[in-house]
Amino acid sequence: MAVAPIRASVEAVALAAKGFMPPEEGRALFAAVALAPVGPLLEVGGYCGKSAVYLGAAAQRRGSPLFSVDHHRGSEENQRGWEHHDPEIVDQQLGLIDTLPFFRRTIHDAGLEDTVIAIVGESVTVARHWSSPLALLFIDGGHGAEVAHADYDAWTPRVGPHGLLAIHDVFDDPSQGGRPPYEIYRRAIDSGGFEPVSATGSLRLLRRGGGSDSASW
């Protein structure tokens, strides 16, 4: 099925937003929404809104909401002294990272405030109170091993039958990137509950089967 591309004016907002997702991977996320069953979409790790624009634009097109879960205090690798620290996203009064204002501005500029719903809080805490089967789950949260596996454990059971699971920063070669995203990708396949659909750069897309193991929390 051919999918009309994201509008250039909307993608321009995504390209301008702070973040680490290459455009081809963002476009693959956008196209993935058309492959998902009916239902809500959810991303773990909104940062400054880059991926939410791609997912949100596709969700808006089909009339589905996108929920973006993030505490907006930055992942481990975003903190002071780490490679991906950006002093511009630090709240100078608190001395803490606060990406929420950047996220909100990105979503506003993309015209997606009616579609993208920010949930500010710890991913695992939010998951405990989540009750709707997901049509698509995108995991792009913290890349520390403990956080990545906790996000996987908390959210993948909530993917509904034939729902999609997208994972970012998956590299087969350890020299190209950290292991946690690759490890949870392998967990999904080895569980027997998900089958690979596509790979674009470091983005992996999988689909859940229709068995009783899905959305069974």
Protein backbone atom coordinates (compact mmCIF):
# COMPACT_ATOMS: atom_id res chain seq x y z
CA MET A 1 0.00 0.00 0.00
CA ALA A 2 1.45 3.34 -1.06
CA VAL A 3 1.57 5.93 1.72
CA ALA A 4 1.48 9.62 0.87
CA PRO A 5 4.60 11.29 2.31
CA ILE A 6 4.61 13.61 5.27
CA ARG A 7 3.96 17.22 4.27
CA ALA A 8 7.20 19.13 3.69
CA SER A 9 6.15 21.97 6.00
CA VAL A 10 5.51 19.51 8.84
CA GLU A 11 8.73 17.60 8.28
CA ALA A 12 10.62 20.90 8.36
CA VAL A 13 9.52 21.27 11.98
CA ALA A 14 10.81 17.76 12.79
CA LEU A 15 14.12 18.46 11.07
CA ALA A 16 14.57 21.67 13.07
CA ALA A 17 13.79 20.02 16.42
CA LYS A 18 16.57 18.86 18.70
CA GLY A 19 17.02 15.11 18.62
CA PHE A 20 18.95 12.18 17.25
CA MET A 21 16.71 10.55 14.65
CA PRO A 22 17.85 10.71 11.00
CA PRO A 23 15.16 11.83 8.52
CA GLU A 24 14.92 8.45 6.78
CA GLU A 25 14.13 6.78 10.10
CA GLY A 26 11.53 9.43 10.90
CA ARG A 27 9.87 8.84 7.55
CA ALA A 28 9.87 5.10 8.22
CA LEU A 29 8.06 5.78 11.51
CA PHE A 30 5.55 7.93 9.66
CA ALA A 31 4.91 5.16 7.13
CA ALA A 32 4.65 2.50 9.86
CA VAL A 33 1.48 4.05 11.26
CA ALA A 34 -0.42 3.07 8.12
CA LEU A 35 0.50 -0.58 8.84
CA ALA A 36 -0.84 -0.52 12.39
CA PRO A 37 -4.34 -1.69 13.40
CA VAL A 38 -6.90 0.77 14.71
CA GLY A 39 -6.07 2.11 18.15
CA PRO A 40 -3.87 4.52 20.08
CA LEU A 41 -0.19 5.01 19.40
CA LEU A 42 2.37 5.58 22.15
CA GLU A 43 6.01 6.55 22.25
CA VAL A 44 8.33 6.15 25.22
CA GLY A 45 10.84 9.00 25.12
CA GLY A 46 9.58 12.23 23.57
CA TYR A 47 12.67 14.43 24.20
CA CYS A 48 12.09 17.61 22.14
CA GLY A 49 9.40 16.22 19.83
CA LYS A 50 11.24 15.15 16.68
CA SER A 51 9.83 11.60 16.52
CA ALA A 52 6.44 12.80 17.81
CA VAL A 53 6.07 14.96 14.70
CA TYR A 54 6.55 12.00 12.37
CA LEU A 55 4.27 9.72 14.38
CA GLY A 56 1.80 12.48 15.19
CA ALA A 57 1.44 13.62 11.58
CA ALA A 58 0.53 10.07 10.54
CA ALA A 59 -1.77 9.64 13.54
CA GLN A 60 -3.54 12.91 12.75
CA ARG A 61 -4.09 11.75 9.18
CA ARG A 62 -6.00 8.68 10.33
CA GLY A 63 -7.69 10.22 13.36
CA SER A 64 -5.77 8.39 16.09
CA PRO A 65 -4.12 9.94 19.15
CA LEU A 66 -0.41 9.70 19.88
CA PHE A 67 0.57 9.59 23.54
CA SER A 68 4.15 10.65 24.27
CA VAL A 69 5.49 9.52 27.65
CA ASP A 70 8.59 11.22 29.07
CA HIS A 71 9.68 12.67 32.41
CA HIS A 72 11.45 15.38 30.36
CA ARG A 73 14.47 15.43 32.69
CA GLY A 74 16.70 13.82 30.08
CA SER A 75 18.19 10.36 29.77
CA GLU A 76 21.47 9.36 31.37
CA GLU A 77 23.43 10.27 28.26
CA ASN A 78 21.90 13.79 28.26
CA GLN A 79 23.22 14.77 31.69
CA ARG A 80 26.19 17.04 32.38
CA GLY A 81 29.51 15.44 31.55
CA TRP A 82 28.01 13.02 29.03
CA GLU A 83 28.44 13.00 25.26
CA HIS A 84 24.94 14.16 24.36
CA HIS A 85 24.57 16.92 26.95
CA ASP A 86 23.03 20.13 25.60
CA PRO A 87 23.21 23.08 28.04
CA GLU A 88 20.40 24.85 26.18
CA ILE A 89 17.83 22.39 27.54
CA VAL A 90 18.82 22.96 31.20
CA ASP A 91 16.42 24.95 33.39
CA GLN A 92 18.83 27.53 34.75
CA GLN A 93 16.87 28.12 37.95
CA LEU A 94 16.61 24.45 38.86
CA GLY A 95 19.84 23.24 37.30
CA LEU A 96 17.91 20.32 35.81
CA ILE A 97 17.15 19.33 32.22
CA ASP A 98 13.66 20.30 31.10
CA THR A 99 12.82 19.34 27.53
CA LEU A 100 9.07 19.83 27.93
CA PRO A 101 9.02 23.48 26.68
CA PHE A 102 10.95 22.41 23.58
CA PHE A 103 8.60 19.47 23.03
CA ARG A 104 5.50 21.66 23.35
CA ARG A 105 6.87 24.26 20.94
CA THR A 106 7.71 21.57 18.38
CA ILE A 107 4.22 20.06 18.54
CA HIS A 108 2.62 23.51 18.31
CA ASP A 109 4.71 24.49 15.29
CA ALA A 110 3.79 21.22 13.55
CA GLY A 111 0.06 21.84 14.09
CA LEU A 112 -0.32 18.64 16.11
CA GLU A 113 -1.66 19.84 19.45
CA ASP A 114 -5.01 18.18 18.71
CA THR A 115 -3.32 14.79 18.19
CA VAL A 116 -0.16 14.52 20.29
CA ILE A 117 -0.83 14.16 24.02
CA ALA A 118 2.16 14.61 26.31
CA ILE A 119 2.22 12.49 29.47
CA VAL A 120 4.86 13.83 31.85
CA GLY A 121 6.06 11.12 34.21
CA GLU A 122 8.18 8.02 34.65
CA SER A 123 7.45 5.50 31.92
CA VAL A 124 7.08 2.48 34.19
CA THR A 125 4.73 4.34 36.54
CA VAL A 126 2.51 5.42 33.67
CA ALA A 127 2.46 1.87 32.26
CA ARG A 128 1.10 0.47 35.53
CA HIS A 129 -2.05 2.52 35.03
CA TRP A 130 -2.43 2.05 31.26
CA SER A 131 -5.46 0.01 30.16
CA SER A 132 -5.89 0.40 26.37
CA PRO A 133 -4.29 -2.04 23.89
CA LEU A 134 -1.79 -0.18 21.73
CA ALA A 135 -1.82 -0.23 17.96
CA LEU A 136 1.81 0.93 17.86
CA LEU A 137 4.48 1.25 20.55
CA PHE A 138 7.70 3.15 19.86
CA ILE A 139 10.48 2.68 22.42
CA ASP A 140 13.09 5.44 22.30
CA GLY A 141 13.61 6.10 25.99
CA GLY A 142 16.72 5.90 28.15
CA HIS A 143 19.51 3.76 26.75
CA GLY A 144 20.89 2.61 30.09
CA ALA A 145 20.40 -1.14 30.46
CA GLU A 146 18.14 -0.96 33.50
CA VAL A 147 15.86 1.71 32.01
CA ALA A 148 15.65 0.13 28.55
CA HIS A 149 14.67 -3.29 29.89
CA ALA A 150 12.22 -1.75 32.35
CA ASP A 151 10.50 0.13 29.51
CA TYR A 152 10.33 -3.08 27.48
CA ASP A 153 8.88 -5.08 30.38
CA ALA A 154 6.36 -2.37 31.23
CA TRP A 155 5.02 -1.59 27.77
CA THR A 156 5.34 -4.51 25.35
CA PRO A 157 2.58 -6.53 27.06
CA ARG A 158 0.28 -3.61 26.22
CA VAL A 159 0.72 -3.99 22.45
CA GLY A 160 -2.54 -5.39 21.10
CA PRO A 161 -3.03 -8.23 18.61
CA HIS A 162 -1.23 -7.49 15.32
CA GLY A 163 0.08 -4.26 16.85
CA LEU A 164 3.48 -2.84 15.93
CA LEU A 165 6.59 -2.41 18.05
CA ALA A 166 9.23 0.05 16.86
CA ILE A 167 12.64 0.30 18.54
CA HIS A 168 15.25 2.97 17.80
CA ASP A 169 19.06 2.78 17.93
CA VAL A 170 19.31 -0.95 17.20
CA PHE A 171 22.76 -1.81 15.88
CA ASP A 172 23.90 -5.35 15.12
CA ASP A 173 27.54 -4.25 15.45
CA PRO A 174 28.36 -3.21 19.05
CA SER A 175 30.93 -0.69 17.78
CA GLN A 176 28.12 1.34 16.18
CA GLY A 177 25.96 1.82 19.23
CA GLY A 178 24.95 0.77 22.72
CA ARG A 179 23.57 -2.64 23.49
CA PRO A 180 20.28 -2.10 25.35
CA PRO A 181 18.14 -1.28 22.27
CA TYR A 182 19.61 -4.28 20.43
CA GLU A 183 19.03 -6.47 23.47
CA ILE A 184 15.35 -5.57 23.78
CA TYR A 185 14.94 -6.04 20.03
CA ARG A 186 16.33 -9.56 20.40
CA ARG A 187 14.10 -10.15 23.43
CA ALA A 188 11.05 -9.27 21.36
CA ILE A 189 11.99 -11.75 18.63
CA ASP A 190 13.16 -14.49 20.98
CA SER A 191 9.92 -14.24 22.97
CA GLY A 192 8.04 -15.59 19.96
CA GLY A 193 5.51 -12.81 20.35
CA PHE A 194 6.88 -10.48 17.67
CA GLU A 195 8.11 -10.95 14.11
CA PRO A 196 10.41 -8.53 12.26
CA VAL A 197 8.72 -6.37 9.63
CA SER A 198 11.39 -3.94 8.44
CA ALA A 199 14.69 -2.22 9.21
CA THR A 200 15.56 1.37 8.28
CA GLY A 201 18.92 2.54 9.56
CA SER A 202 18.83 1.81 13.28
CA LEU A 203 15.01 1.66 13.40
CA ARG A 204 13.47 -1.80 13.71
CA LEU A 205 9.79 -2.52 13.21
CA LEU A 206 8.11 -5.69 14.48
CA ARG A 207 4.55 -6.99 14.56
CA ARG A 208 2.83 -8.92 17.31
CA GLY A 209 0.88 -12.02 16.46
CA GLY A 210 -2.79 -12.37 17.28
CA GLY A 211 -2.39 -14.83 20.14
CA SER A 212 -3.59 -14.53 23.69
CA ASP A 213 -0.20 -13.29 24.98
CA SER A 214 -0.86 -9.77 23.71
CA ALA A 215 -2.42 -7.09 25.91
CA SER A 216 -2.73 -9.65 28.71
CA TRP A 217 -1.61 -7.68 31.79
